[in-house]
Amino acid sequence: MFSFESDTTLVEDREDLIAVLRMRFGTVSGELIEQIYKIDDMNTLQRLILAAANAANWNVFKNDLQAGENSFRLMGEDYNPLRDFLKGREA
């Protein structure tokens, strides 16, 4: 892949991640946007997009973001986007 194609894909993945975060959690801080734009690994960005779409809440996503490139599995109830909603209904 040519460098400009890779750069374009990185920008698109970053913007996709920010869009998913806004849809799921509302406002995204400028600090977080800066942190996202420092990520230069496509695999990490794509994993974070999946995490943002499936995380049960903001803290689950934030923990996954802090894990960096070392995290690779999105498993369990932490990645059930309805977990907290369903817990509220059981109470």
N, C-alpha and C. Protein backbone atom coordinates (compact mmCIF):
# COMPACT_ATOMS: atom_id res chain seq x y z
N MET A 1 0.84 -1.17 0.00
CA MET A 1 0.00 0.00 0.00
C MET A 1 0.89 1.23 0.00
N PHE A 2 0.52 2.19 -0.82
CA PHE A 2 1.28 3.44 -0.87
C PHE A 2 1.07 4.23 0.41
N SER A 3 2.03 5.06 0.74
CA SER A 3 1.97 5.84 1.98
C SER A 3 0.73 6.71 2.05
N PHE A 4 0.39 7.38 0.94
CA PHE A 4 -0.79 8.25 0.99
C PHE A 4 -2.06 7.45 1.20
N GLU A 5 -2.13 6.22 0.69
CA GLU A 5 -3.29 5.37 0.92
C GLU A 5 -3.37 4.98 2.38
N SER A 6 -2.23 4.65 2.96
CA SER A 6 -2.17 4.30 4.37
C SER A 6 -2.57 5.49 5.23
N ASP A 7 -2.05 6.67 4.91
CA ASP A 7 -2.39 7.87 5.66
C ASP A 7 -3.88 8.17 5.59
N THR A 8 -4.46 8.00 4.42
CA THR A 8 -5.89 8.24 4.24
C THR A 8 -6.70 7.26 5.07
N THR A 9 -6.30 6.01 5.07
CA THR A 9 -7.00 4.99 5.85
C THR A 9 -6.90 5.29 7.34
N LEU A 10 -5.74 5.73 7.81
CA LEU A 10 -5.58 6.09 9.22
C LEU A 10 -6.52 7.23 9.60
N VAL A 11 -6.59 8.26 8.76
CA VAL A 11 -7.46 9.39 9.03
C VAL A 11 -8.92 8.93 9.07
N GLU A 12 -9.31 8.11 8.12
CA GLU A 12 -10.69 7.61 8.08
C GLU A 12 -11.01 6.78 9.32
N ASP A 13 -10.08 5.91 9.73
CA ASP A 13 -10.31 5.10 10.92
C ASP A 13 -10.40 5.98 12.17
N ARG A 14 -9.56 6.98 12.26
CA ARG A 14 -9.63 7.89 13.41
C ARG A 14 -10.98 8.60 13.46
N GLU A 15 -11.42 9.10 12.31
CA GLU A 15 -12.70 9.80 12.24
C GLU A 15 -13.86 8.85 12.54
N ASP A 16 -13.76 7.61 12.06
CA ASP A 16 -14.80 6.61 12.37
C ASP A 16 -14.86 6.35 13.87
N LEU A 17 -13.70 6.22 14.51
CA LEU A 17 -13.66 5.99 15.95
C LEU A 17 -14.31 7.15 16.70
N ILE A 18 -13.96 8.35 16.33
CA ILE A 18 -14.53 9.54 16.98
C ILE A 18 -16.05 9.58 16.77
N ALA A 19 -16.51 9.24 15.57
CA ALA A 19 -17.95 9.24 15.28
C ALA A 19 -18.68 8.20 16.13
N VAL A 20 -18.13 7.02 16.26
CA VAL A 20 -18.76 5.98 17.07
C VAL A 20 -18.81 6.41 18.53
N LEU A 21 -17.71 6.99 19.02
CA LEU A 21 -17.69 7.47 20.41
C LEU A 21 -18.77 8.53 20.64
N ARG A 22 -18.94 9.43 19.69
CA ARG A 22 -19.97 10.47 19.83
C ARG A 22 -21.37 9.85 19.82
N MET A 23 -21.59 8.88 18.96
CA MET A 23 -22.90 8.23 18.90
C MET A 23 -23.21 7.50 20.19
N ARG A 24 -22.21 6.82 20.73
CA ARG A 24 -22.44 6.01 21.93
C ARG A 24 -22.44 6.80 23.22
N PHE A 25 -21.50 7.78 23.33
CA PHE A 25 -21.25 8.39 24.63
C PHE A 25 -21.43 9.91 24.66
N GLY A 26 -21.72 10.53 23.53
CA GLY A 26 -21.91 11.97 23.50
C GLY A 26 -20.65 12.72 23.13
N THR A 27 -20.41 13.81 23.80
CA THR A 27 -19.28 14.69 23.49
C THR A 27 -17.94 13.99 23.70
N VAL A 28 -17.02 14.21 22.78
CA VAL A 28 -15.66 13.68 22.87
C VAL A 28 -14.74 14.87 23.09
N SER A 29 -13.93 14.80 24.14
CA SER A 29 -13.05 15.92 24.48
C SER A 29 -11.95 16.11 23.44
N GLY A 30 -11.47 17.33 23.36
CA GLY A 30 -10.35 17.62 22.46
C GLY A 30 -9.12 16.82 22.84
N GLU A 31 -8.94 16.61 24.14
CA GLU A 31 -7.79 15.81 24.62
C GLU A 31 -7.87 14.38 24.09
N LEU A 32 -9.06 13.79 24.12
CA LEU A 32 -9.22 12.43 23.62
C LEU A 32 -9.02 12.39 22.10
N ILE A 33 -9.51 13.40 21.40
CA ILE A 33 -9.31 13.45 19.94
C ILE A 33 -7.82 13.52 19.63
N GLU A 34 -7.08 14.31 20.38
CA GLU A 34 -5.62 14.37 20.19
C GLU A 34 -4.98 13.02 20.44
N GLN A 35 -5.44 12.33 21.49
CA GLN A 35 -4.90 11.01 21.80
C GLN A 35 -5.18 10.03 20.65
N ILE A 36 -6.37 10.09 20.11
CA ILE A 36 -6.74 9.21 19.00
C ILE A 36 -5.88 9.51 17.78
N TYR A 37 -5.63 10.78 17.50
CA TYR A 37 -4.83 11.15 16.33
C TYR A 37 -3.35 10.80 16.48
N LYS A 38 -2.92 10.43 17.67
CA LYS A 38 -1.54 9.97 17.87
C LYS A 38 -1.37 8.49 17.54
N ILE A 39 -2.49 7.78 17.40
CA ILE A 39 -2.44 6.35 17.09
C ILE A 39 -2.14 6.18 15.61
N ASP A 40 -1.05 5.48 15.32
CA ASP A 40 -0.62 5.27 13.93
C ASP A 40 -0.73 3.82 13.47
N ASP A 41 -1.38 3.00 14.26
CA ASP A 41 -1.50 1.59 13.91
C ASP A 41 -2.95 1.29 13.51
N MET A 42 -3.15 0.85 12.27
CA MET A 42 -4.50 0.59 11.77
C MET A 42 -5.20 -0.50 12.56
N ASN A 43 -4.48 -1.54 12.96
CA ASN A 43 -5.10 -2.62 13.73
C ASN A 43 -5.62 -2.12 15.07
N THR A 44 -4.85 -1.27 15.72
CA THR A 44 -5.29 -0.70 17.00
C THR A 44 -6.53 0.15 16.80
N LEU A 45 -6.54 0.99 15.78
CA LEU A 45 -7.71 1.83 15.51
C LEU A 45 -8.95 0.99 15.22
N GLN A 46 -8.80 -0.04 14.43
CA GLN A 46 -9.94 -0.89 14.09
C GLN A 46 -10.45 -1.63 15.32
N ARG A 47 -9.54 -2.08 16.20
CA ARG A 47 -9.95 -2.73 17.45
C ARG A 47 -10.70 -1.74 18.34
N LEU A 48 -10.21 -0.49 18.39
CA LEU A 48 -10.87 0.52 19.21
C LEU A 48 -12.25 0.89 18.67
N ILE A 49 -12.42 0.87 17.35
CA ILE A 49 -13.74 1.10 16.77
C ILE A 49 -14.71 0.02 17.25
N LEU A 50 -14.28 -1.23 17.21
CA LEU A 50 -15.12 -2.33 17.69
C LEU A 50 -15.39 -2.19 19.19
N ALA A 51 -14.36 -1.81 19.94
CA ALA A 51 -14.54 -1.63 21.39
C ALA A 51 -15.53 -0.51 21.67
N ALA A 52 -15.42 0.60 20.95
CA ALA A 52 -16.34 1.73 21.15
C ALA A 52 -17.78 1.33 20.82
N ALA A 53 -17.95 0.53 19.81
CA ALA A 53 -19.30 0.12 19.40
C ALA A 53 -19.91 -0.89 20.37
N ASN A 54 -19.07 -1.65 21.07
CA ASN A 54 -19.59 -2.74 21.89
C ASN A 54 -19.38 -2.60 23.38
N ALA A 55 -18.58 -1.63 23.82
CA ALA A 55 -18.31 -1.47 25.25
C ALA A 55 -19.61 -1.20 26.01
N ALA A 56 -19.72 -1.81 27.18
CA ALA A 56 -20.92 -1.64 27.99
C ALA A 56 -21.08 -0.20 28.47
N ASN A 57 -19.96 0.49 28.66
CA ASN A 57 -20.02 1.88 29.13
C ASN A 57 -18.70 2.58 28.81
N TRP A 58 -18.65 3.86 29.13
CA TRP A 58 -17.48 4.68 28.82
C TRP A 58 -16.22 4.14 29.49
N ASN A 59 -16.32 3.70 30.74
CA ASN A 59 -15.14 3.22 31.47
C ASN A 59 -14.54 1.98 30.84
N VAL A 60 -15.38 1.10 30.31
CA VAL A 60 -14.86 -0.09 29.63
C VAL A 60 -14.05 0.35 28.41
N PHE A 61 -14.59 1.29 27.63
CA PHE A 61 -13.84 1.76 26.47
C PHE A 61 -12.53 2.42 26.89
N LYS A 62 -12.61 3.29 27.91
CA LYS A 62 -11.43 4.01 28.36
C LYS A 62 -10.33 3.05 28.81
N ASN A 63 -10.68 1.97 29.50
CA ASN A 63 -9.70 0.97 29.90
C ASN A 63 -9.07 0.30 28.69
N ASP A 64 -9.88 0.04 27.68
CA ASP A 64 -9.36 -0.59 26.47
C ASP A 64 -8.42 0.37 25.74
N LEU A 65 -8.76 1.64 25.71
CA LEU A 65 -7.91 2.65 25.08
C LEU A 65 -6.56 2.72 25.80
N GLN A 66 -6.58 2.65 27.12
CA GLN A 66 -5.34 2.71 27.90
C GLN A 66 -4.47 1.46 27.67
N ALA A 67 -5.08 0.35 27.30
CA ALA A 67 -4.33 -0.89 27.10
C ALA A 67 -3.39 -0.79 25.90
N GLY A 68 -3.69 0.13 24.98
CA GLY A 68 -2.81 0.33 23.82
C GLY A 68 -2.81 -0.85 22.87
N GLU A 69 -1.66 -1.07 22.27
CA GLU A 69 -1.54 -2.12 21.25
C GLU A 69 -1.49 -3.51 21.86
N ASN A 70 -1.35 -3.63 23.17
CA ASN A 70 -1.21 -4.94 23.81
C ASN A 70 -2.55 -5.65 23.97
N SER A 71 -3.64 -4.94 23.87
CA SER A 71 -4.95 -5.54 24.01
C SER A 71 -5.42 -6.05 22.66
N PHE A 72 -6.01 -7.23 22.66
CA PHE A 72 -6.47 -7.75 21.37
C PHE A 72 -7.77 -8.52 21.46
N ARG A 73 -8.31 -8.74 22.64
CA ARG A 73 -9.55 -9.49 22.74
C ARG A 73 -10.67 -8.63 23.29
N LEU A 74 -11.80 -8.74 22.67
CA LEU A 74 -13.00 -8.04 23.13
C LEU A 74 -14.00 -9.12 23.53
N MET A 75 -13.90 -9.58 24.77
CA MET A 75 -14.72 -10.71 25.20
C MET A 75 -15.46 -10.40 26.49
N GLY A 76 -16.55 -11.09 26.67
CA GLY A 76 -17.27 -11.04 27.92
C GLY A 76 -18.33 -9.95 27.96
N GLU A 77 -18.96 -9.85 29.11
CA GLU A 77 -20.06 -8.92 29.30
C GLU A 77 -19.63 -7.46 29.24
N ASP A 78 -18.34 -7.18 29.42
CA ASP A 78 -17.88 -5.79 29.27
C ASP A 78 -18.10 -5.29 27.86
N TYR A 79 -18.22 -6.20 26.90
CA TYR A 79 -18.41 -5.81 25.50
C TYR A 79 -19.81 -6.17 25.01
N ASN A 80 -20.75 -6.08 25.91
CA ASN A 80 -22.17 -6.19 25.59
C ASN A 80 -22.75 -4.79 25.73
N PRO A 81 -23.04 -4.11 24.63
CA PRO A 81 -23.50 -2.72 24.73
C PRO A 81 -24.80 -2.56 25.50
N LEU A 82 -25.53 -3.64 25.74
CA LEU A 82 -26.79 -3.56 26.49
C LEU A 82 -26.63 -3.97 27.95
N ARG A 83 -25.43 -4.32 28.37
CA ARG A 83 -25.22 -4.84 29.73
C ARG A 83 -25.78 -3.91 30.79
N ASP A 84 -25.37 -2.67 30.81
CA ASP A 84 -25.81 -1.75 31.85
C ASP A 84 -27.30 -1.45 31.75
N PHE A 85 -27.81 -1.37 30.56
CA PHE A 85 -29.25 -1.15 30.34
C PHE A 85 -30.04 -2.32 30.91
N LEU A 86 -29.61 -3.54 30.64
CA LEU A 86 -30.31 -4.72 31.12
C LEU A 86 -30.20 -4.86 32.64
N LYS A 87 -29.06 -4.47 33.21
CA LYS A 87 -28.91 -4.50 34.66
C LYS A 87 -29.91 -3.56 35.32
N GLY A 88 -30.12 -2.42 34.73
CA GLY A 88 -31.07 -1.45 35.27
C GLY A 88 -32.50 -1.98 35.27
N ARG A 89 -32.81 -2.80 34.31
CA ARG A 89 -34.16 -3.35 34.21
C ARG A 89 -34.39 -4.44 35.23
N GLU A 90 -33.30 -5.12 35.65
CA GLU A 90 -33.43 -6.20 36.63
C GLU A 90 -33.64 -5.68 38.03
N ALA A 91 -33.22 -4.45 38.29
CA ALA A 91 -33.27 -3.90 39.66
C ALA A 91 -34.68 -3.61 40.12
